[in-house]
Amino acid sequence: MTVTFFGHRDAPKEIEPALRRTLIDLIENKNATDFYVGNNGNFDVMVRHQLEELSEIYDINYGVVLAYLPDKKSEYDAYTNTIYPEGIETVPKRFAISWRNKWMLKQADMVVTYVTHPSAGAWEFERLAVKLGKRVIKIS
């Protein structure tokens, strides 16, 4: 099963234990093996951190999906397992994050979200996931 993530870039560190419990449950009880995460904001940082740690314990794969190539190599040295989806290079930069998120959603069977207020990108993609019939797990 493939899982992707959408959450606010200002997500508080206090949600990380709940995120970890959710990931462990998905791996141990739902056969989740593949994970896609973005690289924008606190929520993505927490997801990457947990996936990195859990990949040392469990047989899982994860990819950090880039919306655009960094200008300098040093900007992506910290990322391992990066993915640059084919076709995104033709997308105007201002639409790249949305395009990347739609790509991740298309790959996913399940979506984990942290959304506390409407009208943000995370909220938009949580709604789209529901509309597409994806199973959505909300972290609170």
N, C-alpha and C. Protein backbone atom coordinates (compact mmCIF):
# COMPACT_ATOMS: atom_id res chain seq x y z
N MET A 1 0.85 -1.17 0.00
CA MET A 1 0.00 0.00 0.00
C MET A 1 0.89 1.24 0.00
N THR A 2 0.46 2.25 -0.71
CA THR A 2 1.20 3.51 -0.83
C THR A 2 0.47 4.62 -0.08
N VAL A 3 1.25 5.38 0.69
CA VAL A 3 0.70 6.44 1.54
C VAL A 3 1.39 7.75 1.19
N THR A 4 0.62 8.83 1.17
CA THR A 4 1.20 10.16 1.02
C THR A 4 0.66 11.07 2.11
N PHE A 5 1.20 12.28 2.19
CA PHE A 5 0.96 13.16 3.33
C PHE A 5 0.70 14.59 2.88
N PHE A 6 -0.25 15.25 3.58
CA PHE A 6 -0.49 16.67 3.38
C PHE A 6 -0.74 17.30 4.74
N GLY A 7 0.00 18.36 5.04
CA GLY A 7 -0.19 19.04 6.32
C GLY A 7 0.33 20.45 6.26
N HIS A 8 -0.08 21.26 7.23
CA HIS A 8 0.32 22.66 7.26
C HIS A 8 1.82 22.80 7.48
N ARG A 9 2.38 23.77 6.80
CA ARG A 9 3.82 23.99 6.94
C ARG A 9 4.19 24.48 8.34
N ASP A 10 3.21 24.99 9.10
CA ASP A 10 3.49 25.45 10.47
C ASP A 10 3.01 24.45 11.52
N ALA A 11 2.92 23.19 11.14
CA ALA A 11 2.46 22.15 12.08
C ALA A 11 3.36 22.12 13.32
N PRO A 12 2.76 22.02 14.51
CA PRO A 12 3.56 22.03 15.74
C PRO A 12 4.25 20.68 15.98
N LYS A 13 5.40 20.75 16.59
CA LYS A 13 6.20 19.55 16.91
C LYS A 13 5.41 18.57 17.80
N GLU A 14 4.44 19.06 18.54
CA GLU A 14 3.67 18.22 19.46
C GLU A 14 2.88 17.12 18.76
N ILE A 15 2.66 17.23 17.46
CA ILE A 15 1.91 16.18 16.76
C ILE A 15 2.78 15.01 16.35
N GLU A 16 4.09 15.14 16.48
CA GLU A 16 5.00 14.09 15.99
C GLU A 16 4.77 12.73 16.63
N PRO A 17 4.52 12.62 17.95
CA PRO A 17 4.23 11.29 18.51
C PRO A 17 2.99 10.64 17.88
N ALA A 18 1.94 11.42 17.65
CA ALA A 18 0.73 10.88 17.02
C ALA A 18 1.02 10.46 15.58
N LEU A 19 1.84 11.22 14.90
CA LEU A 19 2.25 10.88 13.54
C LEU A 19 3.01 9.55 13.54
N ARG A 20 3.94 9.39 14.46
CA ARG A 20 4.72 8.15 14.54
C ARG A 20 3.81 6.95 14.82
N ARG A 21 2.89 7.10 15.76
CA ARG A 21 1.95 5.99 16.07
C ARG A 21 1.14 5.62 14.83
N THR A 22 0.70 6.63 14.10
CA THR A 22 -0.07 6.38 12.88
C THR A 22 0.77 5.62 11.86
N LEU A 23 2.00 6.04 11.67
CA LEU A 23 2.88 5.36 10.71
C LEU A 23 3.13 3.91 11.11
N ILE A 24 3.40 3.68 12.37
CA ILE A 24 3.63 2.31 12.83
C ILE A 24 2.40 1.46 12.62
N ASP A 25 1.23 2.00 12.91
CA ASP A 25 -0.01 1.26 12.68
C ASP A 25 -0.18 0.93 11.20
N LEU A 26 0.09 1.89 10.34
CA LEU A 26 -0.03 1.64 8.90
C LEU A 26 0.92 0.55 8.43
N ILE A 27 2.13 0.58 8.94
CA ILE A 27 3.14 -0.41 8.54
C ILE A 27 2.80 -1.79 9.10
N GLU A 28 2.49 -1.85 10.38
CA GLU A 28 2.27 -3.15 11.03
C GLU A 28 0.90 -3.76 10.74
N ASN A 29 -0.12 -2.94 10.57
CA ASN A 29 -1.48 -3.47 10.46
C ASN A 29 -2.16 -3.26 9.11
N LYS A 30 -1.63 -2.37 8.29
CA LYS A 30 -2.28 -2.07 7.01
C LYS A 30 -1.37 -2.39 5.82
N ASN A 31 -0.23 -2.98 6.09
CA ASN A 31 0.72 -3.37 5.03
C ASN A 31 1.21 -2.19 4.19
N ALA A 32 1.35 -1.03 4.79
CA ALA A 32 1.91 0.12 4.08
C ALA A 32 3.41 -0.11 3.91
N THR A 33 3.88 0.03 2.68
CA THR A 33 5.29 -0.20 2.39
C THR A 33 5.95 0.95 1.65
N ASP A 34 5.14 1.77 0.98
CA ASP A 34 5.69 2.86 0.17
C ASP A 34 5.07 4.19 0.60
N PHE A 35 5.92 5.20 0.73
CA PHE A 35 5.48 6.49 1.25
C PHE A 35 6.06 7.62 0.39
N TYR A 36 5.22 8.62 0.11
CA TYR A 36 5.67 9.82 -0.61
C TYR A 36 5.39 11.04 0.27
N VAL A 37 6.41 11.88 0.42
CA VAL A 37 6.29 13.09 1.23
C VAL A 37 6.92 14.25 0.49
N GLY A 38 6.38 15.44 0.70
CA GLY A 38 6.95 16.64 0.09
C GLY A 38 8.13 17.16 0.88
N ASN A 39 8.55 18.36 0.55
CA ASN A 39 9.70 18.96 1.23
C ASN A 39 9.46 20.43 1.56
N ASN A 40 8.21 20.73 1.96
CA ASN A 40 7.86 22.11 2.26
C ASN A 40 7.21 22.22 3.64
N GLY A 41 7.94 22.70 4.61
CA GLY A 41 7.33 22.99 5.90
C GLY A 41 7.53 21.96 6.99
N ASN A 42 7.06 22.33 8.19
CA ASN A 42 7.26 21.52 9.39
C ASN A 42 6.64 20.13 9.29
N PHE A 43 5.43 20.03 8.76
CA PHE A 43 4.78 18.73 8.69
C PHE A 43 5.62 17.77 7.86
N ASP A 44 6.08 18.22 6.70
CA ASP A 44 6.90 17.36 5.85
C ASP A 44 8.21 16.97 6.54
N VAL A 45 8.80 17.90 7.28
CA VAL A 45 10.04 17.60 8.01
C VAL A 45 9.79 16.49 9.03
N MET A 46 8.68 16.58 9.77
CA MET A 46 8.37 15.55 10.77
C MET A 46 8.11 14.20 10.11
N VAL A 47 7.38 14.20 9.01
CA VAL A 47 7.11 12.95 8.30
C VAL A 47 8.42 12.33 7.83
N ARG A 48 9.28 13.13 7.19
CA ARG A 48 10.57 12.61 6.71
C ARG A 48 11.39 12.04 7.86
N HIS A 49 11.43 12.75 8.97
CA HIS A 49 12.19 12.29 10.13
C HIS A 49 11.70 10.92 10.59
N GLN A 50 10.39 10.79 10.72
CA GLN A 50 9.82 9.52 11.18
C GLN A 50 10.05 8.40 10.16
N LEU A 51 9.88 8.69 8.89
CA LEU A 51 10.10 7.67 7.87
C LEU A 51 11.56 7.23 7.84
N GLU A 52 12.46 8.17 8.01
CA GLU A 52 13.88 7.83 8.05
C GLU A 52 14.17 6.89 9.21
N GLU A 53 13.66 7.21 10.39
CA GLU A 53 13.86 6.34 11.55
C GLU A 53 13.20 4.98 11.37
N LEU A 54 11.97 4.98 10.90
CA LEU A 54 11.23 3.72 10.76
C LEU A 54 11.79 2.84 9.65
N SER A 55 12.45 3.44 8.67
CA SER A 55 13.04 2.63 7.59
C SER A 55 14.23 1.81 8.09
N GLU A 56 14.76 2.16 9.24
CA GLU A 56 15.84 1.37 9.84
C GLU A 56 15.29 0.17 10.61
N ILE A 57 14.00 0.19 10.92
CA ILE A 57 13.35 -0.87 11.69
C ILE A 57 12.50 -1.76 10.79
N TYR A 58 11.81 -1.15 9.85
CA TYR A 58 10.86 -1.86 8.98
C TYR A 58 11.34 -1.84 7.54
N ASP A 59 10.86 -2.79 6.77
CA ASP A 59 11.17 -2.87 5.34
C ASP A 59 10.20 -1.97 4.57
N ILE A 60 10.50 -0.67 4.57
CA ILE A 60 9.64 0.30 3.88
C ILE A 60 10.50 1.13 2.93
N ASN A 61 9.84 1.77 1.99
CA ASN A 61 10.47 2.69 1.05
C ASN A 61 9.79 4.04 1.17
N TYR A 62 10.57 5.10 1.05
CA TYR A 62 9.96 6.42 1.03
C TYR A 62 10.71 7.31 0.05
N GLY A 63 9.96 8.24 -0.52
CA GLY A 63 10.55 9.19 -1.43
C GLY A 63 10.17 10.60 -1.04
N VAL A 64 11.14 11.50 -1.09
CA VAL A 64 10.90 12.92 -0.88
C VAL A 64 10.66 13.50 -2.28
N VAL A 65 9.43 13.90 -2.52
CA VAL A 65 9.03 14.33 -3.86
C VAL A 65 9.23 15.84 -3.99
N LEU A 66 10.13 16.22 -4.88
CA LEU A 66 10.47 17.62 -5.08
C LEU A 66 9.49 18.29 -6.04
N ALA A 67 9.14 19.53 -5.74
CA ALA A 67 8.29 20.31 -6.64
C ALA A 67 9.14 20.99 -7.71
N TYR A 68 10.37 21.29 -7.37
CA TYR A 68 11.30 21.86 -8.34
C TYR A 68 12.71 21.55 -7.86
N LEU A 69 13.63 21.57 -8.79
CA LEU A 69 15.01 21.30 -8.43
C LEU A 69 15.59 22.48 -7.68
N PRO A 70 16.29 22.23 -6.59
CA PRO A 70 16.92 23.32 -5.85
C PRO A 70 17.98 24.01 -6.72
N ASP A 71 18.21 25.29 -6.43
CA ASP A 71 19.19 26.06 -7.18
C ASP A 71 20.62 25.60 -6.89
N LYS A 72 20.84 25.19 -5.65
CA LYS A 72 22.19 24.79 -5.24
C LYS A 72 22.15 23.38 -4.68
N LYS A 73 23.21 22.64 -4.95
CA LYS A 73 23.29 21.27 -4.45
C LYS A 73 23.15 21.23 -2.93
N SER A 74 23.68 22.20 -2.22
CA SER A 74 23.63 22.20 -0.76
C SER A 74 22.20 22.27 -0.24
N GLU A 75 21.26 22.75 -1.06
CA GLU A 75 19.88 22.86 -0.62
C GLU A 75 19.18 21.50 -0.56
N TYR A 76 19.72 20.50 -1.23
CA TYR A 76 19.08 19.19 -1.17
C TYR A 76 19.99 18.09 -0.66
N ASP A 77 21.18 18.45 -0.18
CA ASP A 77 22.09 17.46 0.39
C ASP A 77 21.46 16.72 1.56
N ALA A 78 20.61 17.39 2.32
CA ALA A 78 20.01 16.77 3.51
C ALA A 78 18.95 15.74 3.14
N TYR A 79 18.44 15.79 1.91
CA TYR A 79 17.39 14.86 1.51
C TYR A 79 18.00 13.60 0.91
N THR A 80 17.49 12.49 1.35
CA THR A 80 17.82 11.23 0.68
C THR A 80 16.55 10.77 -0.01
N ASN A 81 16.70 9.88 -0.94
CA ASN A 81 15.54 9.29 -1.61
C ASN A 81 14.67 10.32 -2.32
N THR A 82 15.28 11.28 -3.00
CA THR A 82 14.48 12.29 -3.68
C THR A 82 13.91 11.77 -4.99
N ILE A 83 12.74 12.30 -5.32
CA ILE A 83 12.05 11.97 -6.56
C ILE A 83 11.67 13.28 -7.23
N TYR A 84 11.93 13.37 -8.50
CA TYR A 84 11.52 14.53 -9.30
C TYR A 84 10.59 13.98 -10.37
N PRO A 85 9.27 14.08 -10.17
CA PRO A 85 8.32 13.43 -11.07
C PRO A 85 8.46 13.88 -12.52
N GLU A 86 8.43 12.91 -13.41
CA GLU A 86 8.51 13.21 -14.84
C GLU A 86 7.35 14.11 -15.25
N GLY A 87 7.65 15.15 -15.98
CA GLY A 87 6.64 16.08 -16.45
C GLY A 87 6.60 17.38 -15.67
N ILE A 88 7.09 17.35 -14.44
CA ILE A 88 7.01 18.55 -13.60
C ILE A 88 7.92 19.67 -14.12
N GLU A 89 8.94 19.29 -14.87
CA GLU A 89 9.86 20.30 -15.40
C GLU A 89 9.17 21.27 -16.38
N THR A 90 8.02 20.89 -16.89
CA THR A 90 7.30 21.75 -17.84
C THR A 90 6.28 22.66 -17.14
N VAL A 91 6.12 22.49 -15.84
CA VAL A 91 5.11 23.23 -15.07
C VAL A 91 5.70 24.56 -14.59
N PRO A 92 4.99 25.68 -14.76
CA PRO A 92 5.48 26.95 -14.21
C PRO A 92 5.72 26.82 -12.70
N LYS A 93 6.77 27.44 -12.23
CA LYS A 93 7.18 27.30 -10.83
C LYS A 93 6.05 27.59 -9.84
N ARG A 94 5.21 28.56 -10.13
CA ARG A 94 4.14 28.92 -9.19
C ARG A 94 3.08 27.82 -9.06
N PHE A 95 3.03 26.89 -10.01
CA PHE A 95 2.07 25.78 -9.96
C PHE A 95 2.72 24.45 -9.58
N ALA A 96 4.03 24.46 -9.37
CA ALA A 96 4.78 23.21 -9.19
C ALA A 96 4.38 22.44 -7.93
N ILE A 97 4.14 23.13 -6.82
CA ILE A 97 3.77 22.41 -5.59
C ILE A 97 2.41 21.75 -5.76
N SER A 98 1.47 22.45 -6.34
CA SER A 98 0.15 21.86 -6.58
C SER A 98 0.25 20.67 -7.52
N TRP A 99 1.04 20.79 -8.58
CA TRP A 99 1.22 19.68 -9.53
C TRP A 99 1.85 18.48 -8.83
N ARG A 100 2.89 18.75 -8.03
CA ARG A 100 3.57 17.68 -7.28
C ARG A 100 2.59 17.00 -6.33
N ASN A 101 1.77 17.79 -5.62
CA ASN A 101 0.80 17.21 -4.69
C ASN A 101 -0.22 16.34 -5.40
N LYS A 102 -0.68 16.78 -6.57
CA LYS A 102 -1.61 15.95 -7.35
C LYS A 102 -0.94 14.66 -7.80
N TRP A 103 0.33 14.73 -8.17
CA TRP A 103 1.08 13.54 -8.55
C TRP A 103 1.15 12.57 -7.37
N MET A 104 1.48 13.08 -6.19
CA MET A 104 1.57 12.21 -5.00
C MET A 104 0.21 11.59 -4.70
N LEU A 105 -0.84 12.37 -4.81
CA LEU A 105 -2.19 11.87 -4.53
C LEU A 105 -2.57 10.77 -5.50
N LYS A 106 -2.19 10.92 -6.75
CA LYS A 106 -2.49 9.90 -7.76
C LYS A 106 -1.81 8.57 -7.43
N GLN A 107 -0.62 8.62 -6.84
CA GLN A 107 0.12 7.41 -6.50
C GLN A 107 -0.44 6.70 -5.27
N ALA A 108 -1.15 7.44 -4.42
CA ALA A 108 -1.49 6.98 -3.08
C ALA A 108 -2.77 6.15 -3.02
N ASP A 109 -2.74 5.17 -2.11
CA ASP A 109 -3.93 4.44 -1.71
C ASP A 109 -4.56 5.10 -0.49
N MET A 110 -3.71 5.71 0.32
CA MET A 110 -4.14 6.31 1.58
C MET A 110 -3.40 7.63 1.78
N VAL A 111 -4.05 8.55 2.50
CA VAL A 111 -3.48 9.87 2.74
C VAL A 111 -3.54 10.17 4.24
N VAL A 112 -2.43 10.65 4.78
CA VAL A 112 -2.38 11.09 6.18
C VAL A 112 -2.30 12.62 6.15
N THR A 113 -3.19 13.28 6.92
CA THR A 113 -3.22 14.74 6.89
C THR A 113 -3.15 15.34 8.29
N TYR A 114 -2.65 16.57 8.32
CA TYR A 114 -2.75 17.41 9.51
C TYR A 114 -3.31 18.74 9.01
N VAL A 115 -4.60 18.94 9.23
CA VAL A 115 -5.29 20.14 8.75
C VAL A 115 -6.09 20.73 9.91
N THR A 116 -5.81 21.99 10.23
CA THR A 116 -6.51 22.65 11.34
C THR A 116 -7.38 23.80 10.89
N HIS A 117 -7.20 24.26 9.66
CA HIS A 117 -8.01 25.37 9.17
C HIS A 117 -8.20 25.26 7.65
N PRO A 118 -9.37 25.70 7.19
CA PRO A 118 -9.64 25.63 5.75
C PRO A 118 -8.89 26.72 4.99
N SER A 119 -8.91 26.57 3.71
CA SER A 119 -8.37 27.53 2.75
C SER A 119 -6.86 27.45 2.56
N ALA A 120 -6.21 26.50 3.18
CA ALA A 120 -4.79 26.30 2.94
C ALA A 120 -4.61 25.13 1.97
N GLY A 121 -3.41 24.99 1.43
CA GLY A 121 -3.15 23.92 0.47
C GLY A 121 -3.40 22.54 1.04
N ALA A 122 -3.02 22.31 2.29
CA ALA A 122 -3.24 21.00 2.91
C ALA A 122 -4.73 20.67 2.96
N TRP A 123 -5.54 21.65 3.29
CA TRP A 123 -6.99 21.46 3.34
C TRP A 123 -7.53 21.12 1.96
N GLU A 124 -7.05 21.84 0.95
CA GLU A 124 -7.49 21.59 -0.43
C GLU A 124 -7.19 20.15 -0.85
N PHE A 125 -6.01 19.66 -0.52
CA PHE A 125 -5.65 18.31 -0.94
C PHE A 125 -6.29 17.24 -0.08
N GLU A 126 -6.60 17.55 1.17
CA GLU A 126 -7.38 16.62 1.99
C GLU A 126 -8.77 16.44 1.36
N ARG A 127 -9.39 17.54 0.97
CA ARG A 127 -10.72 17.48 0.33
C ARG A 127 -10.65 16.71 -0.99
N LEU A 128 -9.60 16.95 -1.78
CA LEU A 128 -9.46 16.24 -3.05
C LEU A 128 -9.27 14.75 -2.82
N ALA A 129 -8.52 14.38 -1.80
CA ALA A 129 -8.33 12.96 -1.48
C ALA A 129 -9.66 12.29 -1.17
N VAL A 130 -10.49 12.95 -0.38
CA VAL A 130 -11.81 12.41 -0.05
C VAL A 130 -12.64 12.28 -1.32
N LYS A 131 -12.63 13.30 -2.14
CA LYS A 131 -13.40 13.30 -3.39
C LYS A 131 -12.97 12.16 -4.31
N LEU A 132 -11.68 11.84 -4.31
CA LEU A 132 -11.16 10.76 -5.15
C LEU A 132 -11.34 9.38 -4.52
N GLY A 133 -11.93 9.35 -3.33
CA GLY A 133 -12.18 8.07 -2.67
C GLY A 133 -10.99 7.47 -1.96
N LYS A 134 -9.98 8.28 -1.69
CA LYS A 134 -8.82 7.80 -0.93
C LYS A 134 -9.19 7.72 0.55
N ARG A 135 -8.64 6.75 1.23
CA ARG A 135 -8.83 6.69 2.68
C ARG A 135 -7.96 7.77 3.30
N VAL A 136 -8.54 8.59 4.17
CA VAL A 136 -7.83 9.71 4.78
C VAL A 136 -7.76 9.49 6.29
N ILE A 137 -6.56 9.59 6.83
CA ILE A 137 -6.35 9.52 8.27
C ILE A 137 -5.92 10.91 8.72
N LYS A 138 -6.66 11.48 9.66
CA LYS A 138 -6.39 12.83 10.13
C LYS A 138 -5.63 12.79 11.45
N ILE A 139 -4.49 13.45 11.48
CA ILE A 139 -3.70 13.59 12.70
C ILE A 139 -4.20 14.83 13.42
N SER A 140 -4.40 14.72 14.72
CA SER A 140 -4.84 15.91 15.46
C SER A 140 -4.03 16.07 16.73
